Protein backbone atom coordinates (compact mmCIF):
# COMPACT_ATOMS: atom_id res chain seq x y z
CA UNK A 1 142.30 80.32 93.39
CA UNK A 2 139.08 80.10 95.43
CA UNK A 3 136.19 78.40 93.62
CA UNK A 4 132.47 78.83 94.29
CA UNK A 5 130.16 75.90 94.97
CA UNK A 6 129.18 75.32 91.34
CA UNK A 7 132.77 75.60 90.09
CA UNK A 8 134.00 73.17 92.75
CA UNK A 9 131.33 70.66 91.79
CA UNK A 10 132.18 70.94 88.10
CA UNK A 11 135.88 70.45 88.81
CA UNK A 12 135.27 67.48 91.10
CA UNK A 13 132.88 65.72 88.74
CA UNK A 14 134.99 66.36 85.66
CA UNK A 15 137.94 64.87 87.53
CA UNK A 16 135.87 61.88 88.61
CA UNK A 17 134.56 61.19 85.12
CA UNK A 18 137.82 62.31 83.44
CA UNK A 19 135.59 64.58 81.32
CA UNK A 20 134.24 61.63 79.33
CA UNK A 21 131.62 62.83 76.82
CA UNK A 22 128.94 60.59 78.27
CA UNK A 23 129.38 62.33 81.65
CA UNK A 24 128.90 65.90 80.42
CA UNK A 25 125.12 65.92 80.86
CA UNK A 26 125.45 64.62 84.43
CA UNK A 27 127.91 67.40 85.26
CA UNK A 28 125.62 70.07 83.82
CA UNK A 29 122.58 68.72 85.69
CA UNK A 30 124.47 68.62 88.98
CA UNK A 31 125.77 72.15 88.46
CA UNK A 32 122.24 73.38 87.78
CA UNK A 33 121.10 71.78 91.03
CA UNK A 34 123.78 73.69 92.97
CA UNK A 35 122.96 76.98 91.22
CA UNK A 36 120.15 78.51 93.25
CA UNK A 37 120.13 81.82 91.35
CA UNK A 38 116.69 83.33 90.75
CA UNK A 39 115.83 83.83 87.09
CA UNK A 40 114.54 87.42 86.73
CA UNK A 41 112.65 89.44 84.15
CA UNK A 42 112.45 93.23 84.47
CA UNK A 43 109.57 95.10 82.84
CA UNK A 44 110.50 98.70 82.11
CA UNK A 45 113.90 99.96 80.93
CA UNK A 46 113.22 103.70 80.91
CA UNK A 47 113.98 106.22 83.67
CA UNK A 48 114.30 104.48 87.01
CA UNK A 49 113.73 101.15 85.29
CA UNK A 50 117.22 101.42 83.80
CA UNK A 51 118.63 101.46 87.34
CA UNK A 52 116.50 98.46 88.31
CA UNK A 53 117.82 96.53 85.31
CA UNK A 54 121.42 97.41 86.15
CA UNK A 55 121.05 96.45 89.79
CA UNK A 56 119.35 93.11 89.26
CA UNK A 57 122.06 92.29 86.69
CA UNK A 58 124.69 92.43 89.47
CA UNK A 59 122.62 91.38 92.50
CA UNK A 60 123.82 88.30 94.35
CA UNK A 61 121.68 85.26 93.71
CA UNK A 62 120.01 86.83 90.66
CA UNK A 63 120.21 85.65 87.07
CA UNK A 64 118.73 88.39 84.88
CA UNK A 65 117.12 86.62 81.93
CA UNK A 66 114.85 89.15 80.24
CA UNK A 67 114.19 92.88 79.95
CA UNK A 68 110.82 93.96 78.52
CA UNK A 69 109.97 97.41 77.18
CA UNK A 70 107.78 98.81 74.41
CA UNK A 71 110.60 101.02 73.11
CA UNK A 72 112.89 99.11 70.69
CA UNK A 73 115.63 101.73 71.00
CA UNK A 74 115.73 101.30 74.77
CA UNK A 75 115.91 97.55 74.32
CA UNK A 76 118.79 97.90 71.87
CA UNK A 77 120.73 100.03 74.35
CA UNK A 78 119.90 97.60 77.15
CA UNK A 79 121.16 94.64 75.14
CA UNK A 80 124.43 96.47 74.47
CA UNK A 81 124.91 97.25 78.18
CA UNK A 82 123.96 93.75 79.32
CA UNK A 83 125.22 91.12 76.87
CA UNK A 84 123.53 87.79 77.39
CA UNK A 85 120.27 89.28 78.64
CA UNK A 86 117.39 88.72 76.23
CA UNK A 87 115.18 91.70 75.35
CA UNK A 88 111.62 91.80 74.08
CA UNK A 89 108.62 94.06 73.58
CA UNK A 90 106.35 91.16 74.60
CA UNK A 91 105.73 90.50 78.29
CA UNK A 92 104.15 87.17 77.26
CA UNK A 93 107.44 86.06 75.73
CA UNK A 94 109.29 86.58 79.00
CA UNK A 95 106.55 84.87 81.02
CA UNK A 96 106.71 81.88 78.65
CA UNK A 97 110.28 81.19 79.80
CA UNK A 98 110.13 78.55 82.58
CA UNK A 99 113.49 79.77 83.91
CA UNK A 100 111.92 83.09 84.94
CA UNK A 101 110.99 82.73 88.61
CA UNK A 102 110.48 86.41 89.49
CA UNK A 103 109.43 89.64 87.79
CA UNK A 104 110.32 93.26 88.60
CA UNK A 105 107.79 95.88 87.50
CA UNK A 106 109.41 99.28 86.91
CA UNK A 107 106.97 101.05 84.58
CA UNK A 108 104.59 103.99 84.99
CA UNK A 109 102.34 103.61 88.04
CA UNK A 110 99.00 103.19 86.20
CA UNK A 111 100.33 99.89 84.79
CA UNK A 112 101.64 98.47 88.08
CA UNK A 113 98.51 96.52 88.98
CA UNK A 114 97.94 95.03 85.53
CA UNK A 115 101.49 93.76 85.06
CA UNK A 116 101.99 92.63 88.66
CA UNK A 117 98.71 90.71 88.55
CA UNK A 118 99.72 88.91 85.35
CA UNK A 119 103.06 87.97 86.85
CA UNK A 120 101.46 86.64 90.05
CA UNK A 121 98.85 84.69 88.09
CA UNK A 122 101.69 83.07 86.13
CA UNK A 123 103.23 81.88 89.41
CA UNK A 124 106.08 84.40 89.59
CA UNK A 125 107.33 86.30 92.63
CA UNK A 126 106.93 90.03 92.08
CA UNK A 127 108.85 93.21 92.94
CA UNK A 128 106.96 96.45 92.16
CA UNK A 129 108.34 99.97 92.22
CA UNK A 130 106.56 102.47 94.48
CA UNK A 131 103.73 103.11 94.93
CA UNK A 132 102.35 99.59 94.68
CA UNK A 133 99.17 100.73 92.88
CA UNK A 134 97.02 103.82 92.47
CA UNK A 135 94.13 102.45 94.56
CA UNK A 136 93.97 100.49 97.78
CA UNK A 137 91.49 98.05 96.22
CA UNK A 138 94.05 97.13 93.55
CA UNK A 139 96.81 96.88 96.16
CA UNK A 140 94.62 94.61 98.32
CA UNK A 141 93.88 92.34 95.37
CA UNK A 142 97.61 91.89 94.70
CA UNK A 143 98.29 91.12 98.38
CA UNK A 144 95.48 88.58 98.43
CA UNK A 145 96.69 86.93 95.23
CA UNK A 146 100.29 86.69 96.48
CA UNK A 147 99.14 85.26 99.81
CA UNK A 148 96.86 82.67 98.22
CA UNK A 149 99.58 81.51 95.85
CA UNK A 150 102.34 81.69 98.48
CA UNK A 151 104.39 84.09 96.38
CA UNK A 152 106.66 86.95 97.46
CA UNK A 153 105.25 90.42 96.77
CA UNK A 154 107.60 93.31 97.55
CA UNK A 155 107.38 97.07 96.97
CA UNK A 156 110.35 99.28 96.08
CA UNK A 157 110.28 101.56 99.11
CA UNK A 158 113.94 102.37 98.57
CA UNK A 159 114.64 104.37 101.72
CA UNK A 160 113.86 101.39 103.96
CA UNK A 161 117.10 99.94 102.60
CA UNK A 162 119.16 103.11 102.92
CA UNK A 163 121.96 102.41 105.46
CA UNK A 164 121.24 105.72 107.24
CA UNK A 165 117.55 104.90 107.72
CA UNK A 166 118.44 101.38 108.87
CA UNK A 167 120.89 102.91 111.37
CA UNK A 168 118.18 105.29 112.62
CA UNK A 169 115.81 102.36 113.10
CA UNK A 170 118.45 100.44 115.06
CA UNK A 171 119.15 103.42 117.34
CA UNK A 172 115.42 104.00 117.94
CA UNK A 173 114.75 100.33 118.71
CA UNK A 174 117.75 100.25 121.06
CA UNK A 175 116.19 103.09 123.08
CA UNK A 176 118.97 105.61 122.42
CA UNK A 177 116.50 108.35 121.53
CA UNK A 178 114.09 107.47 124.33
CA UNK A 179 110.40 107.72 123.46
CA UNK A 180 110.02 109.13 119.97
CA UNK A 181 107.65 112.10 120.06
CA UNK A 182 107.49 113.00 116.37
CA UNK A 183 109.46 113.15 113.13
CA UNK A 184 109.38 115.36 110.08
CA UNK A 185 110.85 115.09 106.58
CA UNK A 186 111.45 117.20 103.50
CA UNK A 187 111.71 115.91 99.95
CA UNK A 188 111.94 118.97 97.71
CA UNK A 189 113.69 119.97 94.49
CA UNK A 190 113.16 121.93 91.28
CA UNK A 191 111.77 119.09 89.08
CA UNK A 192 111.07 116.39 87.97
CA UNK A 193 107.52 117.62 87.13
CA UNK A 194 105.12 114.81 86.24
CA UNK A 195 101.79 114.82 84.44
CA UNK A 196 100.29 111.46 85.47
CA UNK A 197 100.76 111.91 89.23
CA UNK A 198 101.08 114.85 91.60
CA UNK A 199 103.93 115.59 94.00
CA UNK A 200 102.08 113.84 96.84
CA UNK A 201 101.81 110.52 94.99
CA UNK A 202 105.20 110.86 93.31
CA UNK A 203 107.37 111.86 96.28
CA UNK A 204 105.54 111.15 99.53
CA UNK A 205 105.51 107.31 99.32
CA UNK A 206 109.17 107.36 100.41
CA UNK A 207 108.49 109.47 103.50
CA UNK A 208 105.26 107.70 104.46
CA UNK A 209 107.07 104.36 104.31
CA UNK A 210 109.97 105.69 106.41
CA UNK A 211 107.60 107.15 109.03
CA UNK A 212 105.81 103.81 109.36
CA UNK A 213 109.12 101.94 109.54
CA UNK A 214 110.68 104.15 112.19
CA UNK A 215 107.56 104.61 114.32
CA UNK A 216 106.64 100.95 114.05
CA UNK A 217 103.00 101.31 113.08
CA UNK A 218 100.41 102.52 110.61
CA UNK A 219 98.88 106.04 110.82
CA UNK A 220 95.29 106.30 111.97
CA UNK A 221 94.57 109.65 110.25
CA UNK A 222 96.14 112.16 107.89
CA UNK A 223 95.60 115.86 107.26
CA UNK A 224 97.10 117.30 104.07
CA UNK A 225 97.07 120.41 101.93
CA UNK A 226 98.43 120.95 98.45
CA UNK A 227 98.66 123.61 95.76
CA UNK A 228 98.66 123.72 91.96
CA UNK A 229 100.87 126.25 90.16
CA UNK A 230 102.28 124.70 86.97
CA UNK A 231 99.46 122.53 85.59
CA UNK A 232 96.24 124.24 86.53
CA UNK A 233 94.29 122.68 83.68
CA UNK A 234 95.15 119.19 84.92
CA UNK A 235 94.96 120.12 88.62
CA UNK A 236 98.24 118.35 89.41
CA UNK A 237 99.51 119.50 92.82
CA UNK A 238 103.12 120.68 92.82
CA UNK A 239 103.50 120.77 96.59
CA UNK A 240 101.97 119.05 99.59
CA UNK A 241 102.19 119.35 103.37
CA UNK A 242 100.86 116.45 105.43
CA UNK A 243 100.53 115.48 109.09
CA UNK A 244 100.19 111.80 109.94
CA UNK A 245 98.74 110.87 113.33
CA UNK A 246 99.71 107.54 114.89
CA UNK A 247 98.14 105.68 117.78
CA UNK A 248 99.63 106.72 121.12
CA UNK A 249 100.11 110.35 120.12
CA UNK A 250 103.15 110.05 117.82
CA UNK A 251 103.10 112.05 114.62
CA UNK A 252 104.96 112.51 111.35
CA UNK A 253 105.02 115.65 109.21
CA UNK A 254 105.89 115.57 105.52
CA UNK A 255 106.73 118.33 103.03
CA UNK A 256 107.11 117.35 99.36
CA UNK A 257 107.58 119.60 96.35
CA UNK A 258 109.05 119.66 92.87
CA UNK A 259 108.85 123.46 92.83
CA UNK A 260 111.52 124.55 95.30
CA UNK A 261 114.88 126.35 95.00
CA UNK A 262 116.68 123.73 97.10
CA UNK A 263 117.36 120.05 96.66
CA UNK A 264 116.70 118.67 100.11
CA UNK A 265 116.26 115.11 101.36
CA UNK A 266 116.15 115.41 105.12
CA UNK A 267 114.66 113.70 108.17
CA UNK A 268 114.52 114.75 111.82
CA UNK A 269 113.45 112.43 114.65
CA UNK A 270 112.76 113.98 118.06
CA UNK A 271 112.90 111.72 121.10
CA UNK A 272 112.67 112.20 124.85
CA UNK A 273 116.41 111.52 125.33
CA UNK A 274 118.08 112.43 122.04
CA UNK A 275 117.33 113.72 118.58
CA UNK A 276 118.51 112.36 115.22
CA UNK A 277 118.88 114.05 111.84
CA UNK A 278 119.56 112.58 108.41
CA UNK A 279 120.56 114.73 105.44
CA UNK A 280 120.92 112.63 102.31
CA UNK A 281 122.39 115.55 100.34
CA UNK A 282 125.23 116.20 102.79
CA UNK A 283 128.68 115.22 101.47
CA UNK A 284 129.58 113.69 104.85
CA UNK A 285 128.18 113.30 108.36
CA UNK A 286 124.78 112.53 106.91
CA UNK A 287 123.48 111.24 110.25
CA UNK A 288 123.84 113.20 113.50
CA UNK A 289 122.61 112.34 116.97
CA UNK A 290 122.09 115.27 119.32
CA UNK A 291 122.22 114.69 123.06
CA UNK A 292 119.58 117.34 123.59
CA UNK A 293 116.23 117.45 125.28
CA UNK A 294 113.74 119.38 127.38
CA UNK A 295 112.54 118.06 130.75
CA UNK A 296 109.32 119.51 132.20
CA UNK A 297 109.52 120.44 135.90
CA UNK A 298 106.08 120.36 137.56
CA UNK A 299 104.99 123.09 139.95
CA UNK A 300 106.18 126.13 137.99
CA UNK A 301 104.08 128.67 136.16
CA UNK A 302 106.51 130.02 133.55
CA UNK A 303 108.24 128.17 130.72
CA UNK A 304 111.70 129.28 131.88
CA UNK A 305 111.08 127.79 135.33
CA UNK A 306 109.03 124.78 134.23
CA UNK A 307 111.25 123.33 131.50
CA UNK A 308 114.89 122.36 131.94
CA UNK A 309 116.72 122.36 128.60
CA UNK A 310 119.61 119.95 128.29
CA UNK A 311 122.29 120.26 125.58
CA UNK A 312 125.11 117.73 125.27
CA UNK A 313 127.39 116.29 122.60
CA UNK A 314 126.62 115.86 118.91
CA UNK A 315 127.76 112.52 117.47
CA UNK A 316 127.94 111.58 113.79
CA UNK A 317 128.00 107.77 113.56
CA UNK A 318 129.59 106.12 110.55
CA UNK A 319 127.06 105.11 107.90
CA UNK A 320 127.93 101.99 105.87
CA UNK A 321 128.75 102.80 102.26
CA UNK A 322 126.13 100.59 100.61
CA UNK A 323 123.94 101.29 97.60
CA UNK A 324 120.30 101.28 98.78
CA UNK A 325 118.94 99.91 95.49
CA UNK A 326 121.39 97.01 95.53
CA UNK A 327 120.49 96.28 99.17
CA UNK A 328 116.82 96.34 98.20
CA UNK A 329 117.16 94.07 95.15
CA UNK A 330 119.31 91.54 97.02
CA UNK A 331 116.78 91.55 99.87
CA UNK A 332 114.06 90.62 97.35
CA UNK A 333 116.16 87.79 95.93
CA UNK A 334 116.90 86.49 99.43
CA UNK A 335 113.20 86.54 100.33
CA UNK A 336 112.35 84.62 97.16
CA UNK A 337 114.99 82.03 97.97
CA UNK A 338 114.18 81.62 101.67
CA UNK A 339 110.48 82.47 101.91
CA UNK A 340 111.15 85.33 104.36
CA UNK A 341 108.72 88.24 104.49
CA UNK A 342 110.24 91.34 102.83
CA UNK A 343 110.77 94.47 104.90
CA UNK A 344 108.61 96.32 102.37
CA UNK A 345 106.13 93.55 101.61
CA UNK A 346 102.80 93.91 99.86
CA UNK A 347 100.97 94.62 103.12
CA UNK A 348 103.27 97.56 103.82
CA UNK A 349 102.75 98.74 100.25
CA UNK A 350 98.99 98.52 100.76
CA UNK A 351 99.24 100.57 103.97
CA UNK A 352 101.21 103.29 102.16
CA UNK A 353 98.62 103.45 99.37
CA UNK A 354 95.85 103.83 101.96
CA UNK A 355 97.73 106.78 103.49
CA UNK A 356 98.18 108.33 100.04
CA UNK A 357 94.48 107.93 99.26
CA UNK A 358 93.47 109.50 102.57
CA UNK A 359 95.96 112.32 102.04
CA UNK A 360 94.58 113.03 98.58
CA UNK A 361 91.05 113.11 99.99
CA UNK A 362 92.21 115.53 102.69
CA UNK A 363 93.85 117.77 100.06
CA UNK A 364 90.54 117.85 98.16
CA UNK A 365 88.78 118.95 101.37
CA UNK A 366 91.29 121.69 102.19
CA UNK A 367 93.11 119.83 104.94
CA UNK A 368 90.26 118.18 106.81
CA UNK A 369 91.64 115.15 108.69
CA UNK A 370 90.74 111.82 107.07
CA UNK A 371 90.81 108.56 108.98
CA UNK A 372 92.82 105.72 107.43
CA UNK A 373 91.14 102.31 107.25
CA UNK A 374 92.96 99.56 109.12
C-alpha cells in the first residue's frame, strides 16, 4: 500500500514512540505540520454555488470546512451530501474559525463586493464567481485591498480553465494559426432568464475573458447593441451583440442571448495561417483546426485575381478530459499555497468589468463605441 506524506509520518512516529500515550500530541502536531491543505469556506449553496461546494470538497490541497447560506433547507441538504463539513447561516461564524484560510463567494452578483471585502479584511484569500463586481470602482477596491494585504484574489472565469480553450491558447502562442486577425463567439440558449442582470452581464463575462486571454490584451473600445423583449418594465436586455476592438487592429465579436432556439457555445478564431473552432456542445471533435487561408496578391484589380484562397486539411486534436471547474478550483488552491498569480486574477476580473460597463453604456447609446479606461 502506498502512503501519503502525512500517513507515512504518522506511521513512522507511532513506530518510533511505540504509540505511547504521551507521544500522541507530538504525532498529531507533526502531522498537522505536514498537512498543507487550505481550509476553505464557501458562501452560497444555491444554483452554481452547489457546484462550487462540490468541487472544493474534492479539490486537491483543499479542506472544505464551512458552507454558508441563508437558506436552512439548502444547508441541511449540503450537510447530508458532505458529512464533516460544518454549515451555518452566519458568515461571521465561518470567519471566526482560524482554520479557514480562504473563502469562495458564489452568491448573487450584487453581494460579491460586500462579502469579498469582508473576507479580505479578515485576512482570507478570496475566490469570487464571475463577474467580480457590478462596478469597476468596487472591483478596483477589491484588487487594491488584496494587493495591500498580499492576498490571492481570483475570479471564476471558468472558460479560461476549459481544456479546449487552454489548447487554443497553446496553439495560438506557438504560432500555428499565424497572426490572429479576429475571433467571434456565441453563447445562446432558451433560458435561464434573470431579473437582476441582463444577458450581457450574465453571459458575456465568459466570452470577454476568453477574448482577452486568447488575444493577449485588454480591449481599447467596445460597441454593443441589445434588445428587451421579455421584461420591458425592468428594461432587462435579453440579447446583446458586441464588437471589442484591441490595439493593433485585432477584434472580437460576441453574441449572447437567453432567447434563442438553439443551445450554442461556440468560438471561432481566424488567423493568417490557420483557423480554429471550438464547439462546446459537440459530442466529439469539439476543437477543429482548419488549414485554410486567403493570401492577397498585389497588382490585381479583381478579387478573384487578387486573392489566392488556400484550403488544406482539417485536424481535430484530442482535448484532455478534465472538468473545467475542478481545474479552476485546484488552480486557486495552488496559488494560495505558492503565492503564484492566478490566471484569472483580480486585475483580469477588473478589466472584464470595465468592458462590461463600457458595453452597457454603448447599449444605452444605441451602439456608439465607448472607450475602455486602461
